Amino acid sequence: MALAGLAALLSVASTIIAITALARPAPSASRYTAAEVSAAKTRLCDQYKVASEVVHIETTGPDGNVALARIANTNGAALMLETAASDPAVDAKLRDAARALAASYQAVTAMGTKGQVDPQLFWAPVDASNAKNRELQGLCGG
């Protein structure tokens, strides 16, 4: 008898929870105004452009300083990740593209040393990074 009462009580409680969940208004598509989303995009894209330019300069320069190239990749990744993570108004597609490029910068840096032994271990992440760079460049309108 006690189990039947407990089962009935749990049934009523779960029904109340279900009704409450259904009655709750759906979350709005965006908590941010168009101006806030636009400003967030501008901030992230500005950071991306700085990071991308520095990476380009240090990885294609005539002096070929490997240490500076690695620093540029690491700093560029950190700059974009921090900006993407700290601004919740950034559009999800833009945020994901920035995170993907940042991760690819980190992969290039990590594989740089191994690439000295097996060039393919280095060039595969470089090619992936270039593709991700083009994607983010397109999203940022540049």
Protein backbone atom coordinates (compact mmCIF):
# COMPACT_ATOMS: atom_id res chain seq x y z
CA MET A 1 0.00 0.00 0.00
CA ALA A 2 2.80 2.39 0.88
CA LEU A 3 4.50 1.67 -2.44
CA ALA A 4 1.29 2.34 -4.35
CA GLY A 5 0.91 5.68 -2.56
CA LEU A 6 4.53 6.58 -3.29
CA ALA A 7 4.08 5.64 -6.94
CA ALA A 8 0.95 7.78 -7.18
CA LEU A 9 2.73 10.71 -5.54
CA LEU A 10 5.68 10.39 -7.94
CA SER A 11 3.28 10.19 -10.86
CA VAL A 12 1.52 13.38 -9.80
CA ALA A 13 4.84 15.14 -9.21
CA SER A 14 6.20 14.16 -12.61
CA THR A 15 2.97 15.31 -14.27
CA ILE A 16 3.23 18.69 -12.55
CA ILE A 17 6.86 19.02 -13.65
CA ALA A 18 5.94 18.12 -17.24
CA ILE A 19 3.07 20.63 -17.33
CA THR A 20 5.30 23.33 -15.86
CA ALA A 21 7.97 22.63 -18.47
CA LEU A 22 5.43 22.80 -21.29
CA ALA A 23 3.89 26.01 -19.98
CA ARG A 24 7.25 27.76 -19.75
CA PRO A 25 7.77 30.20 -22.64
CA ALA A 26 10.32 29.18 -25.23
CA PRO A 27 13.66 30.93 -24.91
CA SER A 28 14.08 33.79 -27.32
CA ALA A 29 16.24 33.15 -30.35
CA SER A 30 18.67 35.81 -29.25
CA ARG A 31 19.21 37.66 -26.03
CA TYR A 32 21.25 40.30 -27.85
CA THR A 33 20.26 43.17 -30.07
CA ALA A 34 21.45 43.35 -33.66
CA ALA A 35 23.79 46.17 -32.60
CA GLU A 36 25.33 44.03 -29.85
CA VAL A 37 25.83 41.10 -32.22
CA SER A 38 27.35 43.41 -34.82
CA ALA A 39 29.72 44.98 -32.27
CA ALA A 40 30.76 41.53 -31.05
CA LYS A 41 31.48 40.45 -34.62
CA THR A 42 33.53 43.58 -35.20
CA ARG A 43 35.59 42.96 -32.05
CA LEU A 44 36.26 39.32 -32.90
CA CYS A 45 37.02 40.05 -36.54
CA ASP A 46 39.38 42.87 -35.57
CA GLN A 47 41.25 40.47 -33.27
CA TYR A 48 41.28 37.84 -36.01
CA LYS A 49 42.72 40.31 -38.52
CA VAL A 50 45.55 41.26 -36.14
CA ALA A 51 46.31 37.61 -35.37
CA SER A 52 46.10 36.56 -39.01
CA GLU A 53 48.37 39.36 -40.21
CA VAL A 54 51.01 38.64 -37.57
CA VAL A 55 50.91 34.91 -38.33
CA HIS A 56 51.23 35.67 -42.05
CA ILE A 57 54.20 38.00 -41.51
CA GLU A 58 56.06 35.64 -39.19
CA THR A 59 55.39 32.45 -41.14
CA THR A 60 56.16 33.76 -44.62
CA GLY A 61 58.89 36.30 -43.89
CA PRO A 62 62.20 36.07 -45.74
CA ASP A 63 64.24 35.54 -42.56
CA GLY A 64 62.26 32.39 -41.65
CA ASN A 65 62.50 32.76 -37.87
CA VAL A 66 60.79 29.60 -36.60
CA ALA A 67 60.57 30.87 -33.03
CA LEU A 68 58.72 34.02 -34.08
CA ALA A 69 56.36 31.96 -36.25
CA ARG A 70 55.51 29.72 -33.29
CA ILE A 71 55.00 32.71 -31.01
CA ALA A 72 52.72 34.34 -33.60
CA ASN A 73 50.64 31.15 -33.88
CA THR A 74 50.37 30.78 -30.11
CA ASN A 75 49.53 34.44 -29.48
CA GLY A 76 47.08 34.54 -32.38
CA ALA A 77 45.27 31.49 -31.05
CA ALA A 78 45.11 32.92 -27.53
CA LEU A 79 43.86 36.30 -28.78
CA MET A 80 41.02 34.78 -30.79
CA LEU A 81 40.07 32.23 -28.13
CA GLU A 82 39.94 34.87 -25.41
CA THR A 83 37.81 37.19 -27.53
CA ALA A 84 35.47 34.41 -28.67
CA ALA A 85 35.04 33.08 -25.14
CA SER A 86 34.61 36.43 -23.42
CA ASP A 87 31.88 37.87 -25.63
CA PRO A 88 28.62 35.91 -25.49
CA ALA A 89 27.05 38.09 -28.18
CA VAL A 90 29.36 36.60 -30.84
CA ASP A 91 27.37 34.57 -33.37
CA ALA A 92 27.84 30.81 -32.84
CA LYS A 93 29.06 30.18 -36.41
CA LEU A 94 31.66 32.93 -36.10
CA ARG A 95 32.70 31.73 -32.63
CA ASP A 96 33.09 28.14 -33.89
CA ALA A 97 35.17 29.28 -36.87
CA ALA A 98 37.43 31.37 -34.60
CA ARG A 99 37.89 28.45 -32.21
CA ALA A 100 38.66 26.11 -35.12
CA LEU A 101 41.28 28.48 -36.50
CA ALA A 102 42.80 28.96 -33.05
CA ALA A 103 43.01 25.19 -32.60
CA SER A 104 44.66 24.86 -36.01
CA TYR A 105 47.24 27.52 -35.07
CA GLN A 106 48.00 25.49 -31.96
CA ALA A 107 48.32 22.30 -34.02
CA VAL A 108 50.77 23.95 -36.41
CA THR A 109 52.85 25.09 -33.46
CA ALA A 110 52.73 21.68 -31.80
CA MET A 111 53.65 19.81 -34.97
CA GLY A 112 56.41 22.23 -35.94
CA THR A 113 59.10 20.26 -34.16
CA LYS A 114 57.86 16.85 -35.32
CA GLY A 115 57.64 18.29 -38.82
CA GLN A 116 61.41 18.47 -38.89
CA VAL A 117 61.47 14.65 -39.05
CA ASP A 118 58.36 14.00 -41.15
CA PRO A 119 57.32 17.01 -43.23
CA GLN A 120 53.78 15.63 -43.75
CA LEU A 121 53.15 15.83 -39.98
CA PHE A 122 53.80 19.55 -40.25
CA TRP A 123 52.20 20.39 -43.61
CA ALA A 124 48.84 18.69 -42.96
CA PRO A 125 48.04 21.09 -40.06
CA VAL A 126 49.36 24.02 -42.10
CA ASP A 127 46.97 23.17 -44.94
CA ALA A 128 44.09 22.78 -42.46
CA SER A 129 44.99 26.10 -40.86
CA ASN A 130 44.99 27.85 -44.23
CA ALA A 131 41.52 26.45 -44.99
CA LYS A 132 40.18 27.56 -41.59
CA ASN A 133 41.76 30.98 -42.11
CA ARG A 134 39.92 31.38 -45.43
CA GLU A 135 36.65 30.39 -43.73
CA LEU A 136 37.01 32.96 -40.95
CA GLN A 137 38.19 35.56 -43.42
CA GLY A 138 34.98 35.02 -45.38
CA LEU A 139 32.82 35.29 -42.25
CA CYS A 140 34.57 38.52 -41.31
CA GLY A 141 34.03 39.95 -44.77
CA GLY A 142 37.63 40.19 -45.76
